Amino acid sequence: MALRDEALRIFANALRMVRVDAVMQREVRCVDGVLHVKGIAYRLADFERVVIAAVGKAAGPMVDGVLAAFRGEQITLEGVVVGPTAPMSVDARVRFLQGSHPIPDETSAAAADAMLELLGRCDERCLVLVLLSGGASSMVEKPLSAAMTMEDVADLHRGLVHSGLAIGEMNALRKHFSAAKGGRLAVAAGGATMCTLIVSDVPPGVMDVVGSGPTVPDVTTVETCREIIRKAGPTLQLTETLRAYFDDPDLAETPKAGDTAFAKAKAVMLLSSDDLCATASACAAAMGFAVVFDNGCDEWEYRGAARYLLDRAETLAREHERVCVVSAGEVSVVVQGAHGRGGRNQQFVLECARLAAERGLVVTVLSAGSDGIDGNSPAAGGIVDGTTVARARELGLSVDDALARFDSYGLLAALGDAIETGATGNNLRDLRLVLL
């Protein structure tokens, strides 16, 4: 089997093994009137109603899992779901709103209003289940300050997407701008008991970064935001209105640990990129590869990450006949000026293709988003090898030119090397594979 086919098989198998519906069925269930959520138990008789607040790219399948768990239970239930696609389950008690991503719009504001209104009617007799996954930051959003508009919100998110900042830095700014982030949804729920179930698209161990942490204490501060803006300099293109907002000496702080809003709030991690890498590694090992799991270049600039992973694979190849480097996370791409269609995964693999041709490597590199979406393209990512540069040249295309114009999708699609899965209903960061 060619390395290309093996890489695609590993990626497909990894997506299949971390399906949200299967995890929900295993980790969320009702038995004898008790709701079990990954080791936490809630006696339903202690509550008058259950409220579901779901937001993110995995919102639909997560809601399907919760509704299946409650099937046959006699309890009042209502909910709001915000995501790219509606749940498969048809339930009049659950209202679905289409989410906007990656830039918030008026639908994001309507979703924020619906979510805040729903939680604002909660009290100590309510059990609130928050189903949170990646993409939530833009899908439920409205400004904290009445002086800011949704145009300002869009400007902030657009500037962050193109900034090259790490996700934790981007979300620190979002938390301090938003009426629905940085623990503020927990505040809105009053004295309710709350359990947040997380499908993570951020580095493991930082629950407050997923979806900009709407239901957990915020560890960042106003001063954190100002330092991020100072450090980013002109790379972070903020309007004067936004810069004035963050410079305001009266800028409100987010709720911290110890706030009464979190007294009865818990959060559990259902899935993360570690699960994605574990399944990919197991599949590659079963194919006979010597496998190394290396996230050392997480959140690096894409060119440095490409060199790092190819260097790692070459070093391993001196000791093993077949090697597979598995890596998860996100690389950064600072977009400057006009740009075409593509995303960080496709930009990364084209840089790998350029380096592979330069070094004369017989290598295959795959990088794709587990959500099925990469940047502003219809692709999840791409797959390249040592022949990509030459094959592009035969079609009159240039890898260097595509990299310079941030226009990777057109070239990869022309070569048949764009990976198009459609939306997966999941979001566990990006998966990178280097096979040598």
Protein backbone atom coordinates (compact mmCIF):
# COMPACT_ATOMS: atom_id res chain seq x y z
CA MET A 1 0.00 0.00 0.00
CA ALA A 2 1.37 3.45 -0.94
CA LEU A 3 2.23 5.88 1.85
CA ARG A 4 -0.50 8.22 0.61
CA ASP A 5 -3.17 5.52 0.98
CA GLU A 6 -1.87 4.58 4.42
CA ALA A 7 -1.94 8.19 5.62
CA LEU A 8 -5.52 8.66 4.43
CA ARG A 9 -6.52 5.38 6.08
CA ILE A 10 -4.96 6.43 9.41
CA PHE A 11 -6.79 9.78 9.31
CA ALA A 12 -10.15 8.20 8.44
CA ASN A 13 -9.78 5.58 11.17
CA ALA A 14 -8.87 8.22 13.76
CA LEU A 15 -12.01 10.23 12.93
CA ARG A 16 -14.16 7.11 13.15
CA MET A 17 -12.79 6.07 16.55
CA VAL A 18 -13.48 9.45 18.21
CA ARG A 19 -17.05 9.89 17.03
CA VAL A 20 -18.94 12.10 19.46
CA ASP A 21 -22.10 9.99 19.36
CA ALA A 22 -20.23 6.90 20.52
CA VAL A 23 -18.54 8.77 23.36
CA MET A 24 -21.84 10.31 24.50
CA GLN A 25 -23.48 6.89 24.55
CA ARG A 26 -20.67 5.53 26.70
CA GLU A 27 -20.19 8.45 29.09
CA VAL A 28 -23.69 9.96 29.53
CA ARG A 29 -26.53 7.71 30.70
CA CYS A 30 -29.46 7.55 33.09
CA VAL A 31 -29.81 4.49 35.35
CA ASP A 32 -32.59 4.16 37.95
CA GLY A 33 -33.29 7.88 38.01
CA VAL A 34 -29.64 8.88 38.28
CA LEU A 35 -27.79 10.75 35.53
CA HIS A 36 -24.19 9.58 35.21
CA VAL A 37 -21.76 11.91 33.43
CA LYS A 38 -18.26 10.42 33.25
CA GLY A 39 -18.08 9.54 36.93
CA ILE A 40 -20.35 12.32 38.24
CA ALA A 41 -23.84 11.31 39.44
CA TYR A 42 -26.94 13.54 39.64
CA ARG A 43 -30.16 12.24 41.24
CA LEU A 44 -32.92 13.57 38.98
CA ALA A 45 -35.44 13.64 41.87
CA ASP A 46 -33.38 16.52 43.32
CA PHE A 47 -34.32 18.78 40.40
CA GLU A 48 -37.54 20.15 38.91
CA ARG A 49 -36.14 20.50 35.42
CA VAL A 50 -33.11 19.94 33.22
CA VAL A 51 -31.82 22.72 30.99
CA ILE A 52 -29.53 22.00 28.01
CA ALA A 53 -27.27 24.73 26.65
CA ALA A 54 -25.26 23.38 23.71
CA VAL A 55 -22.88 25.35 21.51
CA GLY A 56 -20.08 24.49 19.09
CA LYS A 57 -19.28 22.32 16.10
CA ALA A 58 -20.21 19.13 18.00
CA ALA A 59 -23.39 20.57 19.53
CA GLY A 60 -25.75 18.45 17.40
CA PRO A 61 -24.39 14.98 18.21
CA MET A 62 -23.81 15.97 21.85
CA VAL A 63 -27.46 16.93 22.21
CA ASP A 64 -28.52 13.71 20.50
CA GLY A 65 -26.56 11.81 23.15
CA VAL A 66 -28.13 13.65 26.07
CA LEU A 67 -31.67 13.29 24.71
CA ALA A 68 -31.08 9.57 24.22
CA ALA A 69 -29.92 9.28 27.84
CA PHE A 70 -33.10 10.98 29.11
CA ARG A 71 -35.44 8.90 26.97
CA GLY A 72 -38.12 7.48 29.27
CA GLU A 73 -37.26 9.77 32.21
CA GLN A 74 -40.10 11.81 33.66
CA ILE A 75 -38.55 15.25 34.04
CA THR A 76 -39.19 18.67 32.52
CA LEU A 77 -36.55 19.51 29.95
CA GLU A 78 -35.80 22.45 27.68
CA GLY A 79 -32.80 23.65 25.77
CA VAL A 80 -31.09 25.85 23.21
CA VAL A 81 -28.66 24.39 20.68
CA VAL A 82 -26.30 26.52 18.59
CA GLY A 83 -24.18 24.77 15.99
CA PRO A 84 -23.49 24.25 12.30
CA THR A 85 -26.15 21.52 11.96
CA ALA A 86 -29.27 20.65 13.93
CA PRO A 87 -29.43 17.55 16.16
CA MET A 88 -30.74 14.43 14.46
CA SER A 89 -33.30 14.07 17.26
CA VAL A 90 -36.53 15.99 16.71
CA ASP A 91 -37.63 17.38 20.08
CA ALA A 92 -39.97 20.36 20.49
CA ARG A 93 -38.39 21.14 23.85
CA VAL A 94 -35.05 21.98 22.23
CA ARG A 95 -34.64 25.09 20.08
CA PHE A 96 -31.97 25.04 17.36
CA LEU A 97 -30.14 28.13 16.07
CA GLN A 98 -27.62 28.14 13.24
CA GLY A 99 -24.16 29.18 14.42
CA SER A 100 -21.90 31.60 12.56
CA HIS A 101 -18.21 30.67 12.24
CA PRO A 102 -15.45 31.90 12.22
CA ILE A 103 -16.75 35.49 12.27
CA PRO A 104 -19.76 36.31 14.50
CA ASP A 105 -22.78 38.02 12.98
CA GLU A 106 -26.32 38.91 13.99
CA THR A 107 -27.19 35.22 14.36
CA SER A 108 -24.44 35.00 16.99
CA ALA A 109 -26.03 37.86 18.92
CA ALA A 110 -29.47 36.23 18.67
CA ALA A 111 -27.96 32.97 19.94
CA ALA A 112 -26.30 34.78 22.85
CA ASP A 113 -29.60 36.44 23.77
CA ALA A 114 -31.41 33.08 23.62
CA MET A 115 -28.76 31.38 25.75
CA LEU A 116 -28.66 34.16 28.36
CA GLU A 117 -32.47 34.27 28.55
CA LEU A 118 -32.67 30.49 29.01
CA LEU A 119 -30.05 30.46 31.76
CA GLY A 120 -31.49 33.59 33.35
CA ARG A 121 -34.65 31.62 34.16
CA CYS A 122 -32.69 28.97 36.08
CA ASP A 123 -32.59 28.63 39.85
CA GLU A 124 -31.41 26.15 42.49
CA ARG A 125 -34.04 23.62 41.34
CA CYS A 126 -32.44 23.34 37.87
CA LEU A 127 -29.76 21.02 36.55
CA VAL A 128 -27.97 22.77 33.69
CA LEU A 129 -26.03 20.65 31.20
CA VAL A 130 -23.70 22.77 29.09
CA LEU A 131 -22.46 20.91 26.00
CA LEU A 132 -19.41 22.79 24.78
CA SER A 133 -17.18 22.23 21.76
CA GLY A 134 -14.85 24.16 19.48
CA GLY A 135 -16.23 26.99 17.39
CA ALA A 136 -18.39 28.20 20.28
CA SER A 137 -16.51 31.49 20.57
CA SER A 138 -18.07 32.88 17.40
CA MET A 139 -21.42 31.08 17.49
CA VAL A 140 -22.71 32.63 20.73
CA GLU A 141 -21.43 36.17 20.99
CA LYS A 142 -22.49 39.68 21.88
CA PRO A 143 -20.42 42.55 23.28
CA LEU A 144 -20.27 43.10 27.02
CA SER A 145 -20.40 46.87 26.54
CA ALA A 146 -23.52 48.49 25.10
CA ALA A 147 -21.20 50.97 23.39
CA MET A 148 -19.81 48.21 21.18
CA THR A 149 -21.62 46.95 18.08
CA MET A 150 -21.72 43.60 16.30
CA GLU A 151 -19.51 45.23 13.68
CA ASP A 152 -16.93 45.75 16.44
CA VAL A 153 -17.36 42.10 17.44
CA ALA A 154 -16.70 40.99 13.86
CA ASP A 155 -13.66 43.28 13.63
CA LEU A 156 -12.20 41.75 16.80
CA HIS A 157 -12.69 38.15 15.66
CA ARG A 158 -11.42 38.91 12.15
CA GLY A 159 -8.28 40.52 13.56
CA LEU A 160 -7.68 37.56 15.87
CA VAL A 161 -8.16 34.93 13.15
CA HIS A 162 -5.45 36.56 11.02
CA SER A 163 -3.12 37.50 13.90
CA GLY A 164 -1.09 34.31 14.38
CA LEU A 165 -1.74 34.49 18.15
CA ALA A 166 -2.05 31.27 20.16
CA ILE A 167 -5.63 30.20 20.89
CA GLY A 168 -5.28 30.97 24.60
CA GLU A 169 -4.22 34.53 23.78
CA MET A 170 -7.06 35.02 21.31
CA ASN A 171 -9.62 33.74 23.77
CA ALA A 172 -8.31 35.92 26.61
CA LEU A 173 -9.29 38.94 24.51
CA ARG A 174 -12.63 37.40 23.56
CA LYS A 175 -13.47 36.69 27.21
CA HIS A 176 -13.00 40.31 28.23
CA PHE A 177 -15.07 41.60 25.33
CA SER A 178 -18.03 39.24 25.55
CA ALA A 179 -21.25 39.07 27.54
CA ALA A 180 -21.31 35.27 27.18
CA LYS A 181 -17.71 34.18 27.79
CA GLY A 182 -15.13 33.99 30.54
CA GLY A 183 -17.53 32.41 33.06
CA ARG A 184 -20.44 34.75 32.36
CA LEU A 185 -22.88 32.02 31.31
CA ALA A 186 -22.35 30.43 34.74
CA VAL A 187 -23.11 33.78 36.36
CA ALA A 188 -26.31 34.04 34.30
CA ALA A 189 -27.52 30.64 35.60
CA GLY A 190 -27.84 31.92 39.17
CA GLY A 191 -27.82 29.20 41.80
CA ALA A 192 -28.37 26.28 39.41
CA THR A 193 -26.34 23.08 39.52
CA MET A 194 -24.23 23.05 36.37
CA CYS A 195 -22.21 20.40 34.56
CA THR A 196 -20.20 21.35 31.48
CA LEU A 197 -19.29 18.52 29.09
CA ILE A 198 -16.37 19.45 26.85
CA VAL A 199 -15.18 18.25 23.45
CA SER A 200 -11.90 20.15 23.32
CA ASP A 201 -10.24 21.89 20.39
CA VAL A 202 -7.48 23.44 22.51
CA PRO A 203 -4.31 22.12 24.17
CA PRO A 204 -5.11 19.48 26.84
CA GLY A 205 -5.59 20.70 30.40
CA VAL A 206 -6.94 24.20 29.70
CA MET A 207 -10.72 23.94 30.02
CA ASP A 208 -11.10 27.70 30.34
CA VAL A 209 -9.91 28.15 26.74
CA VAL A 210 -12.53 25.91 25.03
CA GLY A 211 -15.20 28.21 23.61
CA SER A 212 -13.56 31.02 25.61
CA GLY A 213 -14.60 29.36 28.87
CA PRO A 214 -18.25 30.49 29.21
CA THR A 215 -18.96 28.40 32.33
CA VAL A 216 -15.63 28.10 34.15
CA PRO A 217 -13.51 30.58 36.15
CA ASP A 218 -11.22 32.72 34.03
CA VAL A 219 -7.50 32.64 34.80
CA THR A 220 -6.70 35.62 32.54
CA THR A 221 -7.08 39.27 33.49
CA VAL A 222 -7.56 42.67 31.92
CA GLU A 223 -3.82 43.21 32.24
CA THR A 224 -3.25 39.87 30.44
CA CYS A 225 -5.20 41.28 27.49
CA ARG A 226 -3.22 44.50 27.42
CA GLU A 227 0.06 42.61 27.50
CA ILE A 228 -1.07 40.39 24.60
CA ILE A 229 -1.94 43.47 22.55
CA ARG A 230 1.40 45.13 23.38
CA LYS A 231 3.35 41.98 22.51
CA ALA A 232 1.48 41.40 19.22
CA GLY A 233 2.14 44.93 17.98
CA PRO A 234 1.06 45.62 14.37
CA THR A 235 0.53 41.90 13.71
CA LEU A 236 -2.76 42.19 15.61
CA GLN A 237 -4.79 44.54 13.47
CA LEU A 238 -7.35 46.10 15.84
CA THR A 239 -9.44 49.15 15.07
CA GLU A 240 -8.94 52.29 17.15
CA THR A 241 -12.34 51.61 18.73
CA LEU A 242 -11.20 48.17 19.92
CA ARG A 243 -7.86 49.45 21.19
CA ALA A 244 -9.67 52.15 23.17
CA TYR A 245 -11.98 49.49 24.63
CA PHE A 246 -9.10 47.41 26.01
CA ASP A 247 -7.30 50.55 27.25
CA ASP A 248 -10.34 51.68 29.27
CA PRO A 249 -9.31 51.83 32.97
CA ASP A 250 -12.84 50.76 33.92
CA LEU A 251 -12.84 47.62 31.74
CA ALA A 252 -14.75 44.92 33.64
CA GLU A 253 -12.87 41.88 34.94
CA THR A 254 -14.13 38.35 34.29
CA PRO A 255 -15.39 36.15 37.19
CA LYS A 256 -12.62 34.19 38.91
CA ALA A 257 -12.34 31.04 41.02
CA GLY A 258 -14.20 31.56 44.28
CA ASP A 259 -17.11 33.38 42.65
CA THR A 260 -20.41 31.97 43.92
CA ALA A 261 -21.42 31.28 40.31
CA PHE A 262 -19.07 28.29 40.34
CA ALA A 263 -20.08 26.86 43.74
CA LYS A 264 -22.19 24.12 42.16
CA ALA A 265 -20.51 24.01 38.75
CA LYS A 266 -18.36 21.15 37.46
CA ALA A 267 -16.67 20.52 34.12
CA VAL A 268 -15.58 17.24 32.53
CA MET A 269 -13.47 16.56 29.44
CA LEU A 270 -15.16 14.05 27.14
CA LEU A 271 -12.73 14.18 24.21
CA SER A 272 -9.49 15.96 23.37
CA SER A 273 -6.71 15.84 20.79
CA ASP A 274 -4.95 13.24 22.96
CA ASP A 275 -7.73 10.80 22.04
CA LEU A 276 -7.33 11.65 18.35
CA CYS A 277 -3.57 11.04 18.48
CA ALA A 278 -3.93 7.81 20.45
CA THR A 279 -6.22 6.29 17.83
CA ALA A 280 -4.03 7.49 14.93
CA SER A 281 -0.90 6.10 16.63
CA ALA A 282 -2.51 2.71 17.24
CA CYS A 283 -3.61 2.45 13.61
CA ALA A 284 -0.15 3.40 12.29
CA ALA A 285 1.54 0.90 14.61
CA ALA A 286 -0.79 -1.84 13.37
CA MET A 287 0.39 -1.04 9.82
CA GLY A 288 3.98 -1.68 10.84
CA PHE A 289 5.21 1.86 11.36
CA ALA A 290 7.53 2.88 14.18
CA VAL A 291 5.33 5.59 15.69
CA VAL A 292 6.29 8.72 17.60
CA PHE A 293 3.72 11.09 19.10
CA ASP A 294 5.20 14.61 19.09
CA ASN A 295 3.25 17.80 19.86
CA GLY A 296 6.43 19.80 20.32
CA CYS A 297 5.52 22.23 17.54
CA ASP A 298 1.97 22.97 18.74
CA GLU A 299 1.04 26.58 17.97
CA TRP A 300 4.33 27.20 16.14
CA GLU A 301 4.46 29.26 12.97
CA TYR A 302 3.77 26.82 10.11
CA ARG A 303 7.21 26.99 8.48
CA GLY A 304 9.03 26.16 11.70
CA ALA A 305 6.57 23.34 12.39
CA ALA A 306 7.15 21.86 8.92
CA ARG A 307 10.92 21.82 9.39
CA TYR A 308 10.62 20.39 12.90
CA LEU A 309 8.40 17.44 11.96
CA LEU A 310 10.35 16.56 8.81
CA ASP A 311 13.60 16.70 10.79
CA ARG A 312 12.06 14.41 13.41
CA ALA A 313 10.95 11.90 10.79
CA GLU A 314 14.37 11.90 9.08
CA THR A 315 16.12 11.26 12.40
CA LEU A 316 13.82 8.34 13.20
CA ALA A 317 14.30 6.89 9.71
CA ARG A 318 17.95 6.31 10.50
CA GLU A 319 16.84 3.64 13.00
CA HIS A 320 13.58 2.32 11.50
CA GLU A 321 12.54 1.23 8.04
CA ARG A 322 9.07 2.80 8.25
CA VAL A 323 8.30 5.74 10.52
CA CYS A 324 5.18 7.74 11.31
CA VAL A 325 5.27 10.96 13.30
CA VAL A 326 1.86 11.81 14.78
CA SER A 327 1.25 15.39 15.89
CA ALA A 328 -1.84 17.32 16.95
CA GLY A 329 -2.72 20.93 17.64
CA GLU A 330 -2.62 24.00 15.48
CA VAL A 331 0.07 25.81 13.56
CA SER A 332 -0.16 29.56 13.05
CA VAL A 333 -0.27 31.44 9.78
CA VAL A 334 -0.04 35.23 9.82
CA VAL A 335 -2.06 36.33 6.79
CA GLN A 336 -0.85 39.59 5.28
CA GLY A 337 -2.65 41.54 2.59
CA ALA A 338 -4.90 39.95 -0.01
CA HIS A 339 -5.22 36.19 0.19
CA GLY A 340 -6.85 33.33 -1.65
CA ARG A 341 -8.56 30.17 -0.38
CA GLY A 342 -6.98 27.79 2.05
CA GLY A 343 -6.21 27.30 5.71
CA ARG A 344 -3.43 26.53 8.14
CA ASN A 345 -3.39 22.78 7.34
CA GLN A 346 -3.07 23.31 3.60
CA GLN A 347 -0.45 26.04 4.05
CA PHE A 348 1.51 23.68 6.31
CA VAL A 349 1.47 20.71 3.89
CA LEU A 350 2.52 22.89 0.95
CA GLU A 351 5.51 24.08 2.97
CA CYS A 352 6.30 20.42 3.70
CA ALA A 353 6.05 19.67 -0.03
CA ARG A 354 8.49 22.49 -0.77
CA LEU A 355 10.96 21.20 1.83
CA ALA A 356 10.56 17.58 0.68
CA ALA A 357 11.43 18.55 -2.91
CA GLU A 358 14.38 20.59 -1.68
CA ARG A 359 15.69 17.66 0.40
CA GLY A 360 14.80 14.89 -2.07
CA LEU A 361 12.64 13.05 0.49
CA VAL A 362 10.34 10.13 -0.26
CA VAL A 363 7.79 11.27 2.30
CA THR A 364 4.05 11.75 2.66
CA VAL A 365 2.59 14.48 4.88
CA LEU A 366 -1.07 14.82 5.83
CA SER A 367 -2.57 17.63 7.88
CA ALA A 368 -6.30 18.11 8.37
CA GLY A 369 -8.84 19.49 10.79
CA SER A 370 -10.86 16.96 12.75
CA ASP A 371 -13.88 19.22 12.21
CA GLY A 372 -13.60 18.82 8.44
CA ILE A 373 -12.98 22.54 7.93
CA ASP A 374 -9.74 24.36 7.12
CA GLY A 375 -9.82 28.13 6.90
CA ASN A 376 -12.02 29.63 4.20
CA SER A 377 -11.86 26.55 1.96
CA PRO A 378 -14.21 23.56 1.52
CA ALA A 379 -11.40 21.22 2.50
CA ALA A 380 -10.41 19.73 5.86
CA GLY A 381 -6.74 19.89 4.86
CA GLY A 382 -4.38 18.31 2.39
CA ILE A 383 -1.90 15.55 1.64
CA VAL A 384 1.42 16.00 -0.17
CA ASP A 385 4.59 14.04 -0.97
CA GLY A 386 8.01 14.47 -2.50
CA THR A 387 6.49 14.74 -5.99
CA THR A 388 3.97 17.50 -5.24
CA VAL A 389 6.16 20.39 -6.43
CA ALA A 390 6.96 18.65 -9.75
CA ARG A 391 3.36 17.58 -10.33
CA ALA A 392 2.18 21.15 -9.73
CA ARG A 393 4.77 22.46 -12.16
CA GLU A 394 3.49 20.10 -14.86
CA LEU A 395 0.08 21.80 -14.50
CA GLY A 396 1.63 25.26 -14.73
CA LEU A 397 1.21 25.85 -10.98
CA SER A 398 3.75 26.98 -8.41
CA VAL A 399 3.89 25.85 -4.79
CA ASP A 400 5.97 28.92 -3.90
CA ASP A 401 3.39 31.21 -5.47
CA ALA A 402 0.49 29.49 -3.67
CA LEU A 403 2.33 29.85 -0.36
CA ALA A 404 3.06 33.53 -0.95
CA ARG A 405 -0.56 34.27 -1.84
CA PHE A 406 -2.02 32.11 0.97
CA ASP A 407 -3.90 30.30 -1.81
CA SER A 408 -3.18 26.65 -1.08
CA TYR A 409 -6.60 25.15 -1.80
CA GLY A 410 -6.63 25.80 -5.54
CA LEU A 411 -3.31 24.06 -6.09
CA LEU A 412 -4.10 21.07 -3.88
CA ALA A 413 -7.55 20.66 -5.43
CA ALA A 414 -6.04 20.73 -8.93
CA LEU A 415 -3.67 17.92 -7.92
CA GLY A 416 -6.41 15.89 -6.25
CA ASP A 417 -4.62 16.36 -2.93
CA ALA A 418 -7.18 18.42 -1.02
CA ILE A 419 -8.90 16.33 1.68
CA GLU A 420 -12.63 17.03 1.69
CA THR A 421 -14.66 15.26 4.38
CA GLY A 422 -17.45 17.76 4.96
CA ALA A 423 -18.33 18.82 8.51
CA THR A 424 -17.61 15.90 10.86
CA GLY A 425 -19.66 16.99 13.88
CA ASN A 426 -16.46 16.92 15.92
CA ASN A 427 -13.61 19.30 16.72
CA LEU A 428 -10.46 17.93 18.37
CA ARG A 429 -7.90 20.21 16.74
CA ASP A 430 -5.80 19.29 13.69
CA LEU A 431 -4.05 15.99 13.05
CA ARG A 432 -0.67 15.89 11.31
CA LEU A 433 0.98 12.73 9.98
CA VAL A 434 4.49 12.44 8.54
CA LEU A 435 5.18 9.04 6.93
CA LEU A 436 8.72 8.27 5.77
